[in-house]
Amino acid sequence: MIAASITVIVFIVSMLMAGRIAESRGRATKAWIWLAAVFGPLAALTAWALPAKPVPKHAGANGD
């Protein structure tokens, strides 16, 4: 019973971490939260290991 509780806590923390990491790197937050719900800490590590997405350059974004 204790092991199951610890596993649930680890998965919830992984979901929060994966969401934050994905958001800071410009990736789909909800998708990474769901991936962490399924794969646990592995998803958070993967989100951290992937490079940040480049910010698209929009015409007129800087007042042009």
Protein backbone atom coordinates (compact mmCIF):
# COMPACT_ATOMS: atom_id res chain seq x y z
CA MET A 1 0.00 0.00 0.00
CA ILE A 2 2.84 2.40 0.81
CA ALA A 3 4.60 1.58 -2.45
CA ALA A 4 1.45 2.39 -4.43
CA SER A 5 1.10 5.73 -2.63
CA ILE A 6 4.71 6.63 -3.33
CA THR A 7 4.27 5.67 -6.99
CA VAL A 8 1.21 7.91 -7.32
CA ILE A 9 3.08 10.82 -5.70
CA VAL A 10 6.08 10.32 -8.01
CA PHE A 11 3.82 10.31 -11.07
CA ILE A 12 1.99 13.46 -9.97
CA VAL A 13 5.26 15.27 -9.32
CA SER A 14 6.53 14.08 -12.71
CA MET A 15 3.42 15.48 -14.37
CA LEU A 16 3.99 18.88 -12.77
CA MET A 17 7.68 18.88 -13.68
CA ALA A 18 7.10 17.78 -17.27
CA GLY A 19 4.48 20.50 -17.71
CA ARG A 20 6.77 23.21 -16.38
CA ILE A 21 9.74 22.03 -18.42
CA ALA A 22 7.66 21.79 -21.59
CA GLU A 23 6.25 25.28 -21.04
CA SER A 24 9.69 26.79 -20.52
CA ARG A 25 10.96 25.13 -23.70
CA GLY A 26 8.04 26.13 -25.91
CA ARG A 27 6.47 22.69 -26.20
CA ALA A 28 2.88 21.48 -25.78
CA THR A 29 2.28 21.53 -22.03
CA LYS A 30 -0.82 19.33 -21.95
CA ALA A 31 0.78 16.69 -24.14
CA TRP A 32 3.80 16.43 -21.85
CA ILE A 33 1.60 16.27 -18.76
CA TRP A 34 -0.27 13.32 -20.27
CA LEU A 35 3.00 11.67 -21.29
CA ALA A 36 4.19 11.97 -17.69
CA ALA A 37 0.90 10.49 -16.48
CA VAL A 38 1.66 7.41 -18.56
CA PHE A 39 5.47 7.17 -18.40
CA GLY A 40 6.23 8.94 -15.11
CA PRO A 41 9.67 10.43 -14.54
CA LEU A 42 10.87 9.25 -17.94
CA ALA A 43 8.69 11.89 -19.63
CA ALA A 44 10.08 14.69 -17.44
CA LEU A 45 13.63 13.60 -18.22
CA THR A 46 12.85 13.46 -21.93
CA ALA A 47 11.26 16.92 -21.89
CA TRP A 48 14.35 18.23 -20.14
CA ALA A 49 16.74 16.54 -22.60
CA LEU A 50 15.03 17.90 -25.72
CA PRO A 51 16.21 21.26 -27.01
CA ALA A 52 13.94 24.28 -26.79
CA LYS A 53 11.81 25.01 -29.83
CA PRO A 54 12.90 28.11 -31.73
CA VAL A 55 10.54 31.05 -31.46
CA PRO A 56 8.96 31.72 -34.89
CA LYS A 57 9.71 35.10 -36.40
CA HIS A 58 6.48 36.89 -37.23
CA ALA A 59 6.29 39.76 -39.68
CA GLY A 60 5.83 42.98 -37.78
CA ALA A 61 6.58 41.44 -34.40
CA ASN A 62 9.13 44.13 -33.60
CA GLY A 63 7.23 47.07 -35.01
CA ASP A 64 8.21 46.67 -38.65
